[in-house]
Amino acid sequence: MTAFARRARASAGRLHPELSLVSYTLLGHLEESGGCRATDLAAHYALDKSTVSRQVSALEGAGLIERLADQRDQRVQVLHLTPAGTEILAQVTASRRVAFRERLAGWPEEDLRRFAGYLLRYNSAGPGPGPGPGPMSMPDPAPDPGPGAGPGVTAHPDASPPSD
């Protein structure tokens, strides 16, 4: 598990030098949720509000997210991806999918099926994403299972051990 976590952190910088693993996770959540408040991010990942505030400030400074007034309550600020944030998230996701496929390219189909099944089982265990963003707090499975995973089997590419 330690090697898995270390590889995940190291690979984040290689995929996009300005996007840490935590930033990638937060951007992914904003995309998936369609936007949310910073306090919602803190609650979702069980993080301190100041930690989320620093991350949000950095993402906002990089032009990847923006604060917009909530349509129902103008006093509330909702975080949304900017077009640049959407683009970078798509680039990093595509890079992770390539790394995932390359890492598993030589695996027999039966091993891929088993691995995808284990990832689904792992992702569905427990009440939520865990103590905070990181390699062990994985998003729900995506429809693209990768090479040879077979029909009906899905595994999120970000749930894989990143390539070295």
Protein backbone atom coordinates (compact mmCIF):
# COMPACT_ATOMS: atom_id res chain seq x y z
CA MET A 1 0.00 0.00 0.00
CA THR A 2 2.85 2.38 0.78
CA ALA A 3 4.42 1.78 -2.63
CA PHE A 4 1.03 2.31 -4.26
CA ALA A 5 0.58 5.65 -2.47
CA ARG A 6 4.13 6.76 -3.24
CA ARG A 7 3.70 5.96 -6.94
CA ALA A 8 0.37 7.78 -7.08
CA ARG A 9 1.87 10.95 -5.61
CA ALA A 10 4.93 10.79 -7.86
CA SER A 11 2.91 10.17 -11.01
CA ALA A 12 0.61 13.14 -10.42
CA GLY A 13 3.44 15.60 -11.05
CA ARG A 14 4.57 13.77 -14.16
CA LEU A 15 1.07 13.83 -15.66
CA HIS A 16 0.75 17.57 -15.18
CA PRO A 17 3.37 19.56 -13.26
CA GLU A 18 0.85 22.06 -11.87
CA LEU A 19 -1.67 19.45 -10.71
CA SER A 20 -1.01 17.53 -7.49
CA LEU A 21 -2.88 14.35 -6.68
CA VAL A 22 -5.03 16.29 -4.20
CA SER A 23 -5.76 18.98 -6.81
CA TYR A 24 -6.68 16.33 -9.36
CA THR A 25 -9.01 14.70 -6.85
CA LEU A 26 -10.71 17.99 -6.00
CA LEU A 27 -11.10 18.93 -9.66
CA GLY A 28 -12.57 15.51 -10.36
CA HIS A 29 -15.09 15.96 -7.57
CA LEU A 30 -16.09 19.40 -8.85
CA GLU A 31 -16.58 17.98 -12.32
CA GLU A 32 -18.58 15.02 -11.04
CA SER A 33 -20.76 17.10 -8.73
CA GLY A 34 -21.27 19.99 -11.15
CA GLY A 35 -19.83 22.35 -8.56
CA CYS A 36 -20.01 22.67 -4.79
CA ARG A 37 -19.00 24.85 -1.88
CA ALA A 38 -15.54 24.60 -0.33
CA THR A 39 -17.18 23.45 2.89
CA ASP A 40 -18.79 20.59 0.94
CA LEU A 41 -15.34 19.53 -0.29
CA ALA A 42 -14.00 19.64 3.25
CA ALA A 43 -16.90 17.54 4.53
CA HIS A 44 -16.74 15.06 1.65
CA TYR A 45 -13.03 14.36 2.16
CA ALA A 46 -13.05 14.85 5.96
CA LEU A 47 -10.47 17.61 5.66
CA ASP A 48 -9.93 20.73 7.69
CA LYS A 49 -11.50 23.80 6.09
CA SER A 50 -8.13 25.58 6.06
CA THR A 51 -6.57 22.73 4.07
CA VAL A 52 -9.34 22.92 1.48
CA SER A 53 -9.11 26.71 1.46
CA ARG A 54 -5.41 26.57 0.53
CA GLN A 55 -6.07 24.04 -2.22
CA VAL A 56 -9.00 26.04 -3.57
CA SER A 57 -6.95 29.26 -3.53
CA ALA A 58 -4.17 27.57 -5.50
CA LEU A 59 -6.61 26.12 -8.05
CA GLU A 60 -8.36 29.45 -8.36
CA GLY A 61 -5.03 31.27 -8.77
CA ALA A 62 -4.09 28.85 -11.52
CA GLY A 63 -7.35 29.65 -13.31
CA LEU A 64 -8.68 26.10 -12.97
CA ILE A 65 -11.70 26.87 -10.83
CA GLU A 66 -13.90 29.88 -10.20
CA ARG A 67 -16.33 30.96 -7.51
CA LEU A 68 -19.84 31.75 -8.68
CA ALA A 69 -22.81 32.91 -6.66
CA ASP A 70 -25.32 30.14 -5.98
CA GLN A 71 -28.46 30.76 -8.05
CA ARG A 72 -30.67 29.89 -5.04
CA ASP A 73 -28.74 31.93 -2.48
CA GLN A 74 -26.56 34.76 -3.77
CA ARG A 75 -24.64 34.82 -0.47
CA VAL A 76 -23.21 31.34 -1.14
CA GLN A 77 -20.15 30.87 -3.34
CA VAL A 78 -20.07 27.67 -5.42
CA LEU A 79 -16.83 26.36 -6.94
CA HIS A 80 -16.92 25.36 -10.60
CA LEU A 81 -14.32 24.24 -13.09
CA THR A 82 -13.23 26.84 -15.62
CA PRO A 83 -12.74 25.79 -19.24
CA ALA A 84 -8.99 25.57 -18.44
CA GLY A 85 -9.75 23.35 -15.43
CA THR A 86 -11.94 21.09 -17.54
CA GLU A 87 -9.20 20.86 -20.18
CA ILE A 88 -6.41 20.02 -17.72
CA LEU A 89 -8.58 17.48 -15.92
CA ALA A 90 -9.34 15.82 -19.27
CA GLN A 91 -5.62 15.78 -20.18
CA VAL A 92 -4.59 14.25 -16.88
CA THR A 93 -7.41 11.70 -17.03
CA ALA A 94 -6.35 10.70 -20.55
CA SER A 95 -2.72 10.39 -19.42
CA ARG A 96 -3.76 8.21 -16.48
CA ARG A 97 -5.79 5.97 -18.79
CA VAL A 98 -2.78 5.54 -21.09
CA ALA A 99 -0.55 4.73 -18.10
CA PHE A 100 -3.17 2.28 -16.83
CA ARG A 101 -3.37 0.50 -20.18
CA GLU A 102 0.42 0.40 -20.61
CA ARG A 103 0.92 -1.03 -17.14
CA LEU A 104 -1.63 -3.78 -17.78
CA ALA A 105 -0.82 -4.42 -21.46
CA GLY A 106 0.81 -7.80 -20.87
CA TRP A 107 -1.74 -9.13 -18.40
CA PRO A 108 -3.85 -12.12 -19.43
CA GLU A 109 -7.55 -11.36 -19.87
CA GLU A 110 -8.54 -13.45 -16.86
CA ASP A 111 -6.16 -11.45 -14.63
CA LEU A 112 -7.62 -8.20 -15.97
CA ARG A 113 -11.13 -9.41 -15.17
CA ARG A 114 -10.12 -10.38 -11.65
CA PHE A 115 -8.28 -7.11 -11.09
CA ALA A 116 -11.25 -5.07 -12.33
CA GLY A 117 -13.52 -7.06 -10.03
CA TYR A 118 -11.22 -6.42 -7.06
CA LEU A 119 -11.16 -2.70 -7.81
CA LEU A 120 -14.94 -2.60 -7.95
CA ARG A 121 -15.13 -4.50 -4.68
CA TYR A 122 -12.60 -2.19 -3.04
CA ASN A 123 -14.32 0.96 -4.31
CA SER A 124 -17.72 -0.19 -3.09
CA ALA A 125 -16.49 -1.18 0.39
CA GLY A 126 -17.05 1.36 3.12
CA PRO A 127 -19.18 4.43 3.40
CA GLY A 128 -17.21 6.86 1.25
CA PRO A 129 -13.91 8.07 -0.06
CA GLY A 130 -12.03 7.74 3.21
CA PRO A 131 -10.10 10.18 5.32
CA GLY A 132 -9.09 12.49 2.52
CA PRO A 133 -8.04 12.81 -1.08
CA GLY A 134 -5.27 10.53 -2.06
CA PRO A 135 -4.52 7.31 -3.81
CA MET A 136 -6.79 5.28 -1.56
CA SER A 137 -9.84 7.53 -2.00
CA MET A 138 -10.92 6.50 -5.44
CA PRO A 139 -13.83 7.77 -7.49
CA ASP A 140 -16.66 5.52 -8.51
CA PRO A 141 -15.96 3.20 -11.45
CA ALA A 142 -16.06 4.69 -14.92
CA PRO A 143 -17.54 2.96 -17.96
CA ASP A 144 -14.12 2.44 -19.60
CA PRO A 145 -12.63 -0.76 -18.14
CA GLY A 146 -9.47 -0.74 -20.22
CA PRO A 147 -8.15 -3.49 -22.46
CA GLY A 148 -9.70 -6.92 -22.20
CA ALA A 149 -11.74 -6.28 -19.09
CA GLY A 150 -14.75 -7.84 -20.72
CA PRO A 151 -18.41 -6.90 -20.87
CA GLY A 152 -20.09 -5.64 -17.74
CA VAL A 153 -16.83 -5.16 -15.84
CA THR A 154 -15.80 -1.61 -15.10
CA ALA A 155 -12.81 -0.23 -13.26
CA HIS A 156 -11.90 3.42 -12.94
CA PRO A 157 -8.50 4.14 -14.51
CA ASP A 158 -7.55 6.30 -11.55
CA ALA A 159 -8.00 3.37 -9.20
CA SER A 160 -5.00 1.63 -10.71
CA PRO A 161 -1.45 1.81 -9.45
CA PRO A 162 0.11 4.60 -11.52
CA SER A 163 3.05 3.74 -13.71
CA ASP A 164 6.53 4.37 -12.39
